[in-house]
Protein backbone atom coordinates (compact mmCIF):
# COMPACT_ATOMS: atom_id res chain seq x y z
CA UNK A 1 95.11 103.90 130.56
CA UNK A 2 94.61 103.34 126.57
CA UNK A 3 94.27 99.71 127.34
CA UNK A 4 91.34 100.35 129.12
CA UNK A 5 89.28 102.13 126.34
CA UNK A 6 86.60 100.26 124.94
CA UNK A 7 84.92 101.41 122.07
CA UNK A 8 81.68 99.59 121.26
CA UNK A 9 79.74 99.55 117.77
CA UNK A 10 76.14 99.38 118.52
CA UNK A 11 74.79 99.51 115.13
CA UNK A 12 73.27 96.39 115.01
CA UNK A 13 70.51 97.54 117.47
CA UNK A 14 69.07 99.79 114.51
CA UNK A 15 69.24 96.55 111.97
CA UNK A 16 67.71 94.06 114.36
CA UNK A 17 64.54 93.50 112.99
CA UNK A 18 65.48 93.77 108.98
CA UNK A 19 68.42 91.52 109.91
CA UNK A 20 65.86 88.91 112.20
CA UNK A 21 63.32 88.97 109.03
CA UNK A 22 66.22 88.10 106.49
CA UNK A 23 67.51 85.70 108.62
CA UNK A 24 64.37 83.84 109.06
CA UNK A 25 62.64 84.17 105.94
CA UNK A 26 62.01 80.66 104.20
CA UNK A 27 63.56 79.15 107.60
CA UNK A 28 61.71 76.10 108.89
CA UNK A 29 61.24 75.18 112.70
CA UNK A 30 61.87 77.41 115.77
CA UNK A 31 62.80 81.08 114.32
CA UNK A 32 66.31 83.28 115.61
CA UNK A 33 65.09 85.77 117.97
CA UNK A 34 68.88 87.32 117.80
CA UNK A 35 70.65 88.21 114.49
CA UNK A 36 74.19 87.19 113.68
CA UNK A 37 75.48 90.63 114.33
CA UNK A 38 74.53 90.81 117.69
CA UNK A 39 76.36 87.15 118.05
CA UNK A 40 79.26 88.33 116.84
CA UNK A 41 79.30 91.21 118.88
CA UNK A 42 79.17 89.16 121.77
CA UNK A 43 82.14 86.64 120.55
CA UNK A 44 84.31 89.65 120.50
CA UNK A 45 82.98 90.16 123.91
CA UNK A 46 83.85 86.60 125.00
CA UNK A 47 87.21 86.74 123.47
CA UNK A 48 88.31 89.95 124.15
CA UNK A 49 87.24 90.25 128.18
CA UNK A 50 87.81 86.46 128.26
CA UNK A 51 83.99 86.74 129.75
CA UNK A 52 82.25 82.73 130.36
CA UNK A 53 78.77 82.69 128.68
CA UNK A 54 77.20 83.13 132.11
CA UNK A 55 79.14 86.32 132.48
CA UNK A 56 78.60 87.37 129.40
CA UNK A 57 74.67 86.96 129.69
CA UNK A 58 75.15 89.26 133.01
CA UNK A 59 77.12 91.73 131.02
CA UNK A 60 74.47 91.81 128.36
CA UNK A 61 71.61 92.55 130.97
CA UNK A 62 73.59 95.36 132.51
CA UNK A 63 74.26 97.06 128.57
CA UNK A 64 70.19 97.02 128.46
CA UNK A 65 69.80 99.80 130.70
CA UNK A 66 71.54 102.05 128.06
CA UNK A 67 70.53 100.57 124.86
CA UNK A 68 66.66 100.51 124.27
CA UNK A 69 65.91 97.75 121.82
CA UNK A 70 68.60 95.13 123.01
CA UNK A 71 67.13 92.05 124.14
CA UNK A 72 69.17 89.54 126.20
CA UNK A 73 70.02 85.39 125.78
CA UNK A 74 70.49 83.17 128.10
CA UNK A 75 73.82 81.74 128.37
CA UNK A 76 73.23 78.67 127.14
CA UNK A 77 71.33 79.95 124.07
CA UNK A 78 74.86 82.22 123.35
CA UNK A 79 76.76 79.35 123.52
CA UNK A 80 74.64 77.39 120.90
CA UNK A 81 74.67 80.37 118.51
CA UNK A 82 78.26 81.51 118.69
CA UNK A 83 78.80 77.37 117.99
CA UNK A 84 76.67 77.53 114.83
CA UNK A 85 78.17 80.98 113.13
CA UNK A 86 78.71 80.36 109.73
CA UNK A 87 82.34 80.73 108.10
CA UNK A 88 82.13 82.61 105.21
CA UNK A 89 85.09 82.70 102.78
CA UNK A 90 86.76 85.08 101.20
CA UNK A 91 86.07 84.50 97.21
CA UNK A 92 88.82 87.16 96.02
CA UNK A 93 90.67 84.73 97.55
CA UNK A 94 89.52 81.08 96.40
CA UNK A 95 88.48 82.29 93.02
CA UNK A 96 91.84 84.47 92.32
CA UNK A 97 94.50 82.65 89.87
CA UNK A 98 97.02 84.87 90.82
CA UNK A 99 100.07 83.79 93.14
CA UNK A 100 100.20 84.39 96.80
CA UNK A 101 103.03 86.26 98.86
CA UNK A 102 102.65 85.14 102.32
CA UNK A 103 104.22 86.52 105.52
CA UNK A 104 104.29 84.10 108.80
CA UNK A 105 104.54 84.76 112.34
CA UNK A 106 103.70 84.20 115.78
CA UNK A 107 102.50 86.07 118.65
CA UNK A 108 101.76 85.11 122.21
CA UNK A 109 98.51 85.91 124.11
CA UNK A 110 98.33 85.89 127.72
CA UNK A 111 96.01 83.33 129.45
CA UNK A 112 95.97 84.69 132.91
CA UNK A 113 96.16 88.17 134.49
CA UNK A 114 98.30 87.85 137.31
CA UNK A 115 100.13 91.01 138.25
CA UNK A 116 103.73 91.39 138.65
CA UNK A 117 103.81 91.45 142.42
CA UNK A 118 102.16 87.57 142.65
CA UNK A 119 104.47 86.34 140.03
CA UNK A 120 107.93 88.00 141.88
CA UNK A 121 106.35 86.74 145.20
CA UNK A 122 104.72 83.13 144.37
CA UNK A 123 107.63 82.58 141.28
CA UNK A 124 104.31 82.00 139.49
CA UNK A 125 105.18 81.82 135.53
CA UNK A 126 103.02 83.75 133.16
CA UNK A 127 100.70 81.61 131.58
CA UNK A 128 100.27 82.39 127.46
CA UNK A 129 98.69 80.80 124.35
CA UNK A 130 100.51 80.67 120.68
CA UNK A 131 99.17 82.22 117.89
CA UNK A 132 100.59 81.62 114.67
CA UNK A 133 99.35 82.86 111.49
CA UNK A 134 100.01 83.20 108.04
CA UNK A 135 98.85 86.85 106.06
CA UNK A 136 98.46 87.32 102.23
CA UNK A 137 100.79 90.20 101.91
CA UNK A 138 99.13 91.96 99.11
CA UNK A 139 95.59 91.25 100.30
CA UNK A 140 96.07 92.06 104.14
CA UNK A 141 94.01 88.71 104.88
CA UNK A 142 94.79 86.10 107.25
CA UNK A 143 94.67 82.59 105.05
CA UNK A 144 95.64 80.58 108.24
CA UNK A 145 95.72 80.30 111.67
CA UNK A 146 96.92 77.98 114.27
CA UNK A 147 96.65 78.25 118.18
CA UNK A 148 99.35 75.81 120.05
CA UNK A 149 100.62 76.13 123.87
CA UNK A 150 103.64 78.02 124.64
CA UNK A 151 106.28 75.11 123.90
CA UNK A 152 105.42 75.03 120.43
CA UNK A 153 108.05 76.94 118.43
CA UNK A 154 107.24 79.31 115.50
CA UNK A 155 109.59 77.50 112.81
CA UNK A 156 107.76 74.04 113.73
CA UNK A 157 104.40 76.07 112.67
CA UNK A 158 105.58 76.72 108.93
CA UNK A 159 104.21 73.10 107.55
CA UNK A 160 101.14 73.34 108.69
CA UNK A 161 100.21 76.90 107.95
CA UNK A 162 101.98 76.69 104.17
CA UNK A 163 99.41 73.54 103.92
CA UNK A 164 96.23 75.08 104.79
CA UNK A 165 97.07 78.54 102.18
CA UNK A 166 97.98 75.91 99.62
CA UNK A 167 94.19 75.14 99.80
CA UNK A 168 93.45 78.40 99.10
CA UNK A 169 95.64 79.26 96.11
CA UNK A 170 99.53 78.99 94.79
CA UNK A 171 102.05 80.08 97.21
CA UNK A 172 104.75 81.61 95.31
CA UNK A 173 106.53 83.15 98.29
CA UNK A 174 106.98 82.78 102.02
CA UNK A 175 108.40 85.65 104.24
CA UNK A 176 109.41 85.12 107.81
CA UNK A 177 111.83 85.59 110.62
CA UNK A 178 114.74 83.95 111.63
CA UNK A 179 112.41 81.78 113.77
CA UNK A 180 111.62 80.15 111.05
CA UNK A 181 115.64 79.46 109.83
CA UNK A 182 115.57 75.57 110.04
CA UNK A 183 117.20 72.94 107.32
CA UNK A 184 113.28 71.22 107.04
CA UNK A 185 111.35 74.68 106.42
CA UNK A 186 113.75 75.34 103.56
CA UNK A 187 113.73 71.77 102.07
CA UNK A 188 110.19 71.30 103.00
CA UNK A 189 109.63 75.18 100.65
CA UNK A 190 112.11 73.73 97.89
CA UNK A 191 110.00 70.69 97.38
CA UNK A 192 106.67 73.21 97.13
CA UNK A 193 108.52 75.02 94.44
CA UNK A 194 107.76 78.27 97.29
CA UNK A 195 110.55 81.14 97.40
CA UNK A 196 111.73 81.93 100.46
CA UNK A 197 112.64 85.22 101.32
CA UNK A 198 113.28 87.87 104.36
CA UNK A 199 112.04 90.71 105.55
CA UNK A 200 114.87 92.60 104.91
CA UNK A 201 114.00 92.35 100.79
CA UNK A 202 116.44 89.44 100.22
CA UNK A 203 115.21 85.98 98.08
CA UNK A 204 117.51 82.68 98.71
CA UNK A 205 115.59 79.73 97.23
CA UNK A 206 119.03 77.80 97.52
CA UNK A 207 118.84 78.06 101.50
CA UNK A 208 119.27 79.84 104.95
CA UNK A 209 123.05 80.51 104.13
CA UNK A 210 121.80 83.15 101.67
CA UNK A 211 119.72 85.07 103.95
CA UNK A 212 120.15 88.22 105.77
CA UNK A 213 120.63 87.63 109.32
CA UNK A 214 117.97 86.27 111.77
CA UNK A 215 115.58 86.03 108.52
CA UNK A 216 113.83 83.40 106.97
């Protein structure tokens, strides 16, 4: 039942015209007709409900019956705006001279919403993707994110995640679980002068033999 609860934040409707006025100020060519906050809302529904752009257009049309002032873009406009959304970097990360302490982890996300009976009856395996993230422990910000298929283990993604975070600041310590316990990862962190640490609180720059059980 809790999974079925969906709370929608529709505050963007109140500031619709004001946001459009700011976005179109000094703009050359065709003016924007839909504010970025509305496009972010549609992007959330696209990801959360797995709605293709055509179905997302239909969802928005149905929503207009209950939300006064909401306008409906066609599916092509939705896709174009989603792909053009500006990416804003957090300046508190890029401008800070403080060393970073990061935590690494990975999680699977279902691709197909097949029922348990179907999987049992037809021997169909659950399809899923893996999301690998590196998080700034102090600021609780995601600094790097990679999406792979289910065949890619967490340990293989340590180096790409660390390399991406290194572009944003100096890493002092990396924290992870047993999935990252490989000699190549410890050697890599040692070469980068990054202290490796376990989630049980112990640090062990010398190598995996100093780790507590099941953690980096």
